[in-house]
Protein backbone atom coordinates (compact mmCIF):
# COMPACT_ATOMS: atom_id res chain seq x y z
CA MET A 1 -0.15 0.31 0.06
CA ARG A 2 1.40 3.30 -1.17
CA ALA A 3 2.00 5.76 2.04
CA ASP A 4 0.32 8.76 0.39
CA LEU A 5 -2.89 6.52 -0.69
CA LEU A 6 -4.86 8.91 0.95
CA ASP A 7 -3.84 12.28 0.27
CA GLY A 8 -6.66 14.63 -0.66
CA ILE A 9 -9.99 12.16 -0.45
CA VAL A 10 -10.70 14.46 2.13
CA ILE A 11 -10.35 17.71 -0.58
CA PHE A 12 -12.02 15.42 -2.95
CA THR A 13 -15.38 14.74 -1.25
CA ARG A 14 -15.22 18.68 -0.26
CA VAL A 15 -15.19 19.58 -3.36
CA ALA A 16 -17.72 17.10 -4.87
CA GLU A 17 -20.67 17.91 -2.42
CA LYS A 18 -19.40 22.07 -2.51
CA ARG A 19 -18.84 21.72 -6.53
CA SER A 20 -16.68 24.48 -6.15
CA PHE A 21 -13.29 25.12 -5.17
CA THR A 22 -13.25 28.01 -3.48
CA ALA A 23 -16.22 26.55 -1.03
CA ALA A 24 -14.09 23.79 -0.19
CA ALA A 25 -10.86 26.13 0.37
CA VAL A 26 -13.00 28.11 3.03
CA GLU A 27 -13.92 25.56 4.38
CA LEU A 28 -10.75 23.37 5.49
CA GLY A 29 -9.35 26.04 5.60
CA VAL A 30 -6.44 26.15 3.58
CA THR A 31 -6.36 27.94 -0.25
CA THR A 32 -8.20 27.34 -3.22
CA ALA A 33 -4.29 27.01 -5.28
CA ALA A 34 -3.70 24.13 -2.27
CA VAL A 35 -7.35 22.09 -2.85
CA SER A 36 -5.92 22.15 -6.51
CA TRP A 37 -3.17 20.87 -6.87
CA SER A 38 -4.21 17.90 -3.83
CA ILE A 39 -6.64 17.27 -6.64
CA LYS A 40 -5.11 17.45 -9.26
CA ARG A 41 -1.99 14.83 -7.63
CA LEU A 42 -4.66 12.86 -6.13
CA GLU A 43 -6.10 12.18 -9.94
CA ALA A 44 -2.69 11.51 -11.57
CA ARG A 45 -2.76 8.44 -7.79
CA VAL A 46 -5.53 7.50 -9.51
CA GLY A 47 -4.74 7.48 -13.15
CA THR A 48 -8.00 9.15 -14.79
CA THR A 49 -10.20 12.75 -14.10
CA LEU A 50 -12.16 12.62 -11.47
CA LEU A 51 -13.20 16.41 -11.62
CA THR A 52 -14.63 18.71 -14.84
CA ARG A 53 -13.63 22.44 -14.54
CA THR A 54 -15.66 24.84 -15.82
CA THR A 55 -15.25 28.94 -14.91
CA ARG A 56 -18.99 28.66 -13.52
CA SER A 57 -18.82 25.32 -11.98
CA VAL A 58 -16.59 21.74 -10.88
CA GLY A 59 -18.49 18.83 -11.87
CA LEU A 60 -17.81 14.99 -11.60
CA THR A 61 -17.20 12.99 -14.28
CA GLU A 62 -18.18 9.05 -14.40
CA ALA A 63 -14.95 8.06 -13.17
CA GLY A 64 -15.49 10.84 -10.65
CA GLU A 65 -19.27 9.87 -9.48
CA LEU A 66 -17.69 5.65 -8.51
CA PHE A 67 -15.47 7.07 -7.07
CA LEU A 68 -16.92 9.84 -4.23
CA GLU A 69 -19.39 6.71 -3.21
CA GLN A 70 -16.29 4.51 -2.66
CA ALA A 71 -14.31 7.84 -0.77
CA LEU A 72 -17.80 9.28 1.00
CA ALA A 73 -17.69 5.52 2.97
CA SER A 74 -14.15 5.55 3.67
CA VAL A 75 -14.15 9.04 5.04
CA ALA A 76 -16.98 8.36 7.27
CA ASN A 77 -14.93 4.84 8.30
CA VAL A 78 -12.86 7.30 9.63
CA GLU A 79 -14.05 9.53 11.69
CA ALA A 80 -16.33 6.93 13.52
CA GLY A 81 -13.07 5.34 13.86
CA ILE A 82 -11.20 8.61 15.40
CA GLU A 83 -14.61 8.59 17.57
CA ALA A 84 -14.51 5.91 19.11
CA ALA A 85 -11.00 6.02 19.36
CA GLN A 86 -11.95 9.74 21.17
CA ARG A 87 -14.87 8.93 23.49
CA MET A 88 -11.95 5.32 24.64
CA GLY A 89 -10.04 7.29 25.48
CA ALA A 90 -12.02 9.56 27.84
CA ASN A 91 -13.30 5.70 29.02
CA PRO A 92 -10.42 3.55 28.74
CA ALA A 93 -12.33 -0.27 27.58
CA GLY A 94 -10.90 -2.78 26.01
CA LEU A 95 -8.77 -6.19 27.08
CA LEU A 96 -5.48 -4.56 29.17
CA ARG A 97 -2.80 -7.88 28.85
CA LEU A 98 -0.01 -7.52 31.61
CA SER A 99 2.73 -9.70 32.29
CA VAL A 100 3.78 -10.32 36.36
CA PRO A 101 6.30 -12.05 38.10
CA TYR A 102 4.92 -13.23 41.16
CA VAL A 103 7.33 -11.07 43.43
CA ALA A 104 4.53 -9.11 42.47
CA GLN A 105 0.81 -10.99 42.91
CA THR A 106 0.24 -9.35 46.23
CA LEU A 107 0.98 -6.09 45.29
CA ILE A 108 -1.18 -5.88 42.42
CA GLU A 109 -4.13 -7.49 44.67
CA PRO A 110 -5.04 -5.27 46.62
CA VAL A 111 -4.92 -2.41 43.93
CA LEU A 112 -8.13 -4.93 41.55
CA GLU A 113 -10.82 -4.61 43.36
CA GLY A 114 -10.81 -0.82 42.70
CA PHE A 115 -9.81 -0.47 39.14
CA ALA A 116 -12.78 -2.59 38.22
CA ALA A 117 -15.10 -0.78 40.22
CA ALA A 118 -13.28 3.04 38.86
CA TYR A 119 -13.17 1.50 34.93
CA PRO A 120 -16.48 -1.21 34.36
CA GLY A 121 -15.30 -1.08 30.53
CA VAL A 122 -11.92 -2.33 30.82
CA GLU A 123 -11.13 -6.35 30.89
CA LEU A 124 -7.65 -6.58 33.04
CA GLU A 125 -5.82 -9.83 32.02
CA LEU A 126 -2.54 -10.83 34.37
CA VAL A 127 -0.49 -13.14 33.39
CA PHE A 128 2.39 -14.44 36.15
CA ASP A 129 5.78 -14.92 35.53
CA ASP A 130 9.06 -15.18 36.35
CA ARG A 131 11.16 -15.67 32.57
CA PHE A 132 11.77 -12.55 30.08
CA VAL A 133 9.13 -12.06 28.44
CA ASP A 134 8.61 -11.06 25.05
CA ILE A 135 5.49 -8.03 25.90
CA VAL A 136 5.80 -7.97 21.60
CA ALA A 137 5.82 -11.39 20.26
CA GLU A 138 3.49 -12.56 23.04
CA GLY A 139 0.41 -10.26 22.66
CA TYR A 140 0.73 -8.32 25.74
CA ASP A 141 0.33 -5.16 26.32
CA ALA A 142 3.27 -3.91 29.06
CA GLY A 143 4.93 -5.71 31.41
CA ILE A 144 5.90 -5.58 35.77
CA ARG A 145 9.14 -6.35 36.69
CA ILE A 146 11.58 -4.85 39.29
CA GLY A 147 13.31 -1.99 37.23
CA GLU A 148 17.13 -3.88 36.96
CA MET A 149 15.63 -6.68 34.66
CA ILE A 150 13.67 -4.16 31.79
CA ALA A 151 15.88 -4.02 28.85
CA GLN A 152 17.60 -0.80 28.02
CA ASP A 153 15.47 -0.22 24.21
CA MET A 154 12.34 -0.02 26.65
CA ILE A 155 10.36 2.52 27.62
CA ALA A 156 9.93 2.63 32.08
CA VAL A 157 7.07 3.58 34.10
CA ARG A 158 7.63 3.78 37.72
CA LEU A 159 5.33 2.16 40.20
CA THR A 160 6.13 1.79 43.25
CA LYS A 161 9.77 3.25 45.10
CA PRO A 162 13.20 1.52 46.21
CA SER A 163 12.52 -0.77 48.82
CA PRO A 164 15.52 -2.36 50.76
CA LEU A 165 15.06 -5.93 50.20
CA THR A 166 14.49 -8.31 53.79
CA VAL A 167 14.65 -11.63 55.44
CA VAL A 168 11.74 -12.38 57.63
CA GLY A 169 10.84 -15.19 60.24
CA SER A 170 7.30 -15.64 62.19
CA PRO A 171 7.90 -14.55 66.23
CA ALA A 172 7.53 -18.68 67.09
CA TYR A 173 10.46 -19.33 64.45
CA PHE A 174 12.49 -16.92 66.33
CA ALA A 175 11.21 -17.72 69.47
CA ARG A 176 12.45 -21.46 68.92
CA ARG A 177 15.77 -20.60 66.92
CA GLY A 178 16.77 -16.82 67.68
CA LYS A 179 17.46 -14.80 64.92
CA PRO A 180 20.93 -14.42 62.71
CA LEU A 181 22.87 -11.88 63.82
CA ARG A 182 25.00 -11.80 60.62
CA PRO A 183 24.39 -13.63 56.91
CA GLU A 184 27.17 -16.34 58.01
CA HIS A 185 24.14 -17.62 60.80
CA LEU A 186 21.46 -18.53 57.99
CA SER A 187 23.81 -22.16 57.31
CA GLU A 188 22.23 -22.27 61.18
CA HIS A 189 18.02 -21.80 59.73
CA ALA A 190 16.16 -22.95 57.80
CA CYS A 191 15.44 -21.18 54.71
CA ILE A 192 13.02 -21.42 52.44
CA ASN A 193 13.68 -21.02 48.25
CA VAL A 194 12.74 -20.37 45.40
CA ARG A 195 13.42 -21.69 42.28
CA LEU A 196 13.56 -19.84 39.36
CA PHE A 197 12.57 -20.21 35.68
CA GLY A 198 15.59 -22.01 34.51
CA GLY A 199 16.05 -24.18 37.53
CA ALA A 200 17.91 -22.23 39.19
CA LEU A 201 18.21 -21.56 43.13
CA TYR A 202 17.84 -17.81 44.51
CA ARG A 203 20.75 -16.77 45.82
CA TRP A 204 20.60 -14.48 48.46
CA MET A 205 21.44 -10.84 48.20
CA PHE A 206 24.32 -9.34 50.89
CA THR A 207 25.54 -5.76 51.56
CA GLU A 208 28.51 -5.34 54.53
CA ARG A 209 29.55 -2.31 55.10
CA SER A 210 32.97 -1.18 57.22
CA GLY A 211 32.47 2.25 57.32
CA ARG A 212 35.79 2.25 54.42
CA GLY A 213 35.92 2.41 50.68
CA GLU A 214 32.56 1.08 49.32
CA PRO A 215 30.10 -1.08 50.53
CA ARG A 216 30.94 -5.39 49.96
CA THR A 217 27.57 -6.84 48.37
CA PHE A 218 27.77 -11.00 48.38
CA THR A 219 25.61 -13.47 47.39
CA MET A 220 24.87 -16.87 49.71
CA HIS A 221 23.00 -20.18 48.38
CA VAL A 222 20.61 -21.33 51.83
CA LYS A 223 19.30 -24.28 52.73
CA GLY A 224 16.52 -25.84 54.71
CA PRO A 225 13.22 -27.94 54.36
CA LEU A 226 11.16 -26.01 51.29
CA THR A 227 11.64 -25.03 47.60
CA VAL A 228 8.75 -23.41 45.91
CA ASN A 229 8.25 -21.74 42.51
CA GLY A 230 6.46 -18.42 43.82
CA PRO A 231 7.24 -16.15 46.90
CA ALA A 232 3.58 -15.59 47.80
CA THR A 233 4.14 -19.45 49.39
CA CYS A 234 7.52 -18.87 50.30
CA THR A 235 6.09 -15.87 52.79
CA SER A 236 2.49 -17.99 53.79
CA ALA A 237 5.13 -21.13 54.49
CA ALA A 238 7.10 -18.03 57.14
CA VAL A 239 4.27 -17.21 58.29
CA ALA A 240 3.24 -20.59 59.39
CA GLY A 241 7.04 -21.45 61.05
CA VAL A 242 8.49 -23.31 58.65
CA GLY A 243 11.75 -20.80 58.11
CA LEU A 244 12.67 -17.99 56.40
CA THR A 245 11.81 -16.34 53.43
CA TYR A 246 13.95 -13.16 51.09
CA ASN A 247 11.72 -10.92 50.29
CA ILE A 248 11.08 -6.83 49.05
CA ALA A 249 10.27 -4.85 51.94
CA SER A 250 7.63 -3.00 51.59
CA ILE A 251 5.51 -6.81 50.36
CA VAL A 252 5.84 -8.26 53.29
CA GLU A 253 5.50 -4.81 55.40
CA PRO A 254 1.27 -5.80 55.87
CA LEU A 255 2.45 -8.78 57.41
CA VAL A 256 5.43 -6.76 59.65
CA ARG A 257 2.92 -4.93 61.06
CA GLN A 258 0.27 -7.45 61.79
CA GLY A 259 2.99 -8.92 63.85
CA LEU A 260 2.71 -12.10 61.57
CA LEU A 261 6.28 -11.60 60.64
CA GLU A 262 9.58 -10.03 62.01
CA PRO A 263 12.67 -8.63 60.12
CA CYS A 264 16.22 -9.30 60.57
CA LEU A 265 19.67 -9.21 59.63
CA GLU A 266 18.38 -5.04 58.75
CA GLY A 267 22.45 -4.21 58.55
CA PHE A 268 22.91 -6.45 55.43
CA MET A 269 19.44 -5.55 53.33
CA PRO A 270 20.87 -3.29 49.40
CA GLU A 271 18.38 -2.07 47.77
CA SER A 272 15.64 -2.65 45.83
CA PRO A 273 14.97 -0.72 43.17
CA GLY A 274 11.43 -0.70 42.37
CA PHE A 275 8.60 -2.07 40.45
CA PHE A 276 7.53 -0.32 37.23
CA SER A 277 5.51 -0.50 34.01
CA TYR A 278 7.55 -1.00 30.76
CA PHE A 279 6.57 -0.93 27.02
CA PRO A 280 7.95 -1.02 24.01
CA ASN A 281 7.93 3.14 22.72
CA ARG A 282 5.56 6.15 24.00
CA LYS A 283 2.79 5.48 21.53
CA GLN A 284 1.48 2.17 23.67
CA MET A 285 1.10 3.98 25.94
CA LEU A 286 -3.11 3.61 25.79
CA PRO A 287 -5.22 5.21 27.51
CA LYS A 288 -6.36 1.36 29.59
CA LEU A 289 -2.90 1.35 30.34
CA ARG A 290 -2.35 4.51 31.41
CA ALA A 291 -5.74 4.03 33.54
CA PHE A 292 -4.05 1.13 35.16
CA VAL A 293 -0.56 2.80 36.14
CA ASP A 294 -2.19 5.99 37.59
CA PHE A 295 -4.50 3.82 39.37
CA TRP A 296 -1.63 1.47 41.15
CA LYS A 297 0.55 4.84 42.07
CA HIS A 298 -2.36 6.07 43.68
CA ASP A 299 -3.03 3.85 45.59
CA HIS A 300 0.10 3.26 46.50
CA GLN A 301 0.97 6.26 47.22
């Protein structure tokens, strides 16, 4: 399809309707010369004369009449499409398909009821998956990931503030086993492991600040009675007293406030950059996606 295929069609329909180049130019807010030039280029592309011109009037050739019949229908369809898009901008609607990591599950769940009530026209589909998803190839409108895990060629919009990481356990667990004072002491504790998509176990990261030079960052393999493939199960098991779990502090903060979990090793915890929504380019920040991002950010203020 030629890039200039639709050029001049609206001008042609206005000239045909008004039977005048001058009247069409006045309605469209352009010069008569611009209207004449546009019609000449359109006729050149079509390969035949569409309008007859005399000193007194403008008429349609037989080809012009056939062309006008199709052009009017096409212009009406385009105008209807624009109106529909504008309505969607005012009232976001349609399927919004998001790729979400399991670690964000407890953050996104409290948003769902309010978002559904605020935007009844949006059908939200959440696909939880910890692998690196090609959101374009797999048909997602956007993805949600921790900031450091987003490809550089994506547009990222922050959803949450940075938050420290944390190791937490239940009060009952700490009453039995005590709290580790250093990361190395975790070898004496029951830790809940997470199996990553590729098969490896997630390594717990720590930062030691000696007061001299840059902090030392290191990771550790931990051992325990339970390995799962999702942090939600880790948190539930930790609340039940099975062992210690490693998570983002803002995610487990409600359970800490309720007294169901307690943190440890606070002086050794690095910071998570927070969660971001990401998509290929700014043109894909559709009204339904903008509505979800704005609602999430307002809910997490």
